[in-house]
Amino acid sequence: MALMITDECINCDVCEPVCPNDAIFQGPEIYEIDAGLCTECVGHFDEPQCQTVCPVSCIPLDPRHVETKDQLLAKLQRNQGQA
């Protein structure tokens, strides 16, 4: 699954720089996550870095983008031009 940022986001700017896939960006009101780039940090870290640093815990799994670890790894490889 990709992750999502809820409207509880306080725009603290700590999640964007820790994303190894550059999937987090400033939206019109709050930060957002590009589901096409988000791999939950699979292939980089043991846990999603944005969730780790978020002070308000507003980054849950996105039920609209259900993916297995294998699918997330394949997405990472595609996004890096390896597949």
Protein backbone atom coordinates (compact mmCIF):
# COMPACT_ATOMS: atom_id res chain seq x y z
CA MET A 1 0.00 0.00 0.00
CA ALA A 2 1.05 3.52 -0.57
CA LEU A 3 0.72 5.97 2.28
CA MET A 4 -1.43 9.07 2.48
CA ILE A 5 -1.37 12.28 4.49
CA THR A 6 -4.58 13.22 6.25
CA ASP A 7 -5.98 16.69 6.87
CA GLU A 8 -4.50 16.54 10.36
CA CYS A 9 -1.19 17.55 8.72
CA ILE A 10 0.29 20.68 10.30
CA ASN A 11 2.70 21.41 7.41
CA CYS A 12 5.72 21.01 9.65
CA ASP A 13 7.97 20.15 6.66
CA VAL A 14 9.69 17.15 8.27
CA CYS A 15 8.29 14.37 6.04
CA GLU A 16 9.24 15.66 2.60
CA PRO A 17 13.03 15.59 2.97
CA VAL A 18 13.12 12.08 4.47
CA CYS A 19 11.24 10.42 1.58
CA PRO A 20 13.78 8.39 -0.45
CA ASN A 21 11.39 8.26 -3.43
CA ASP A 22 10.56 11.98 -3.61
CA ALA A 23 6.90 10.98 -3.32
CA ILE A 24 5.94 13.74 -0.87
CA PHE A 25 5.12 17.22 -2.12
CA GLN A 26 3.38 20.36 -0.90
CA GLY A 27 -0.23 20.30 -2.06
CA PRO A 28 -2.64 23.24 -2.12
CA GLU A 29 -3.31 23.02 1.63
CA ILE A 30 -1.21 20.20 3.13
CA TYR A 31 1.54 17.86 2.09
CA GLU A 32 0.49 15.01 -0.21
CA ILE A 33 1.96 11.68 -1.29
CA ASP A 34 2.18 10.52 -4.91
CA ALA A 35 0.93 6.91 -4.75
CA GLY A 36 2.79 6.17 -7.97
CA LEU A 37 6.11 6.88 -6.25
CA CYS A 38 5.44 5.77 -2.66
CA THR A 39 6.86 2.36 -1.77
CA GLU A 40 6.47 2.67 2.02
CA CYS A 41 10.29 2.87 1.96
CA VAL A 42 10.51 -0.79 0.84
CA GLY A 43 13.97 -1.22 -0.62
CA HIS A 44 15.35 1.65 1.46
CA PHE A 45 14.33 1.30 5.13
CA ASP A 46 12.55 -1.14 7.44
CA GLU A 47 9.74 1.31 8.13
CA PRO A 48 8.28 4.32 6.33
CA GLN A 49 10.44 7.29 7.23
CA CYS A 50 7.64 9.84 6.92
CA GLN A 51 5.60 7.97 9.54
CA THR A 52 8.65 7.82 11.79
CA VAL A 53 9.24 11.59 11.79
CA CYS A 54 5.63 12.83 11.68
CA PRO A 55 4.86 14.61 14.98
CA VAL A 56 1.07 14.28 14.63
CA SER A 57 0.83 10.73 13.21
CA CYS A 58 -1.21 11.79 10.17
CA ILE A 59 0.32 9.36 7.63
CA PRO A 60 -1.68 6.12 7.53
CA LEU A 61 -1.79 3.45 4.86
CA ASP A 62 -3.92 4.49 1.88
CA PRO A 63 -6.72 1.93 1.42
CA ARG A 64 -7.16 3.13 -2.18
CA HIS A 65 -3.70 1.79 -3.10
CA VAL A 66 -3.35 -1.74 -1.73
CA GLU A 67 0.01 -3.32 -2.65
CA THR A 68 2.09 -6.22 -1.38
CA LYS A 69 5.76 -5.83 -0.42
CA ASP A 70 6.70 -7.55 -3.70
CA GLN A 71 4.57 -5.06 -5.64
CA LEU A 72 6.14 -2.15 -3.75
CA LEU A 73 9.63 -3.46 -4.55
CA ALA A 74 8.69 -3.86 -8.23
CA LYS A 75 7.38 -0.26 -8.22
CA LEU A 76 10.67 0.93 -6.75
CA GLN A 77 12.61 -0.88 -9.46
CA ARG A 78 10.35 0.56 -12.21
CA ASN A 79 10.67 4.06 -10.79
CA GLN A 80 14.45 3.69 -10.75
CA GLY A 81 14.44 2.45 -14.35
CA GLN A 82 15.56 -1.08 -13.39
CA ALA A 83 12.55 -3.04 -14.63
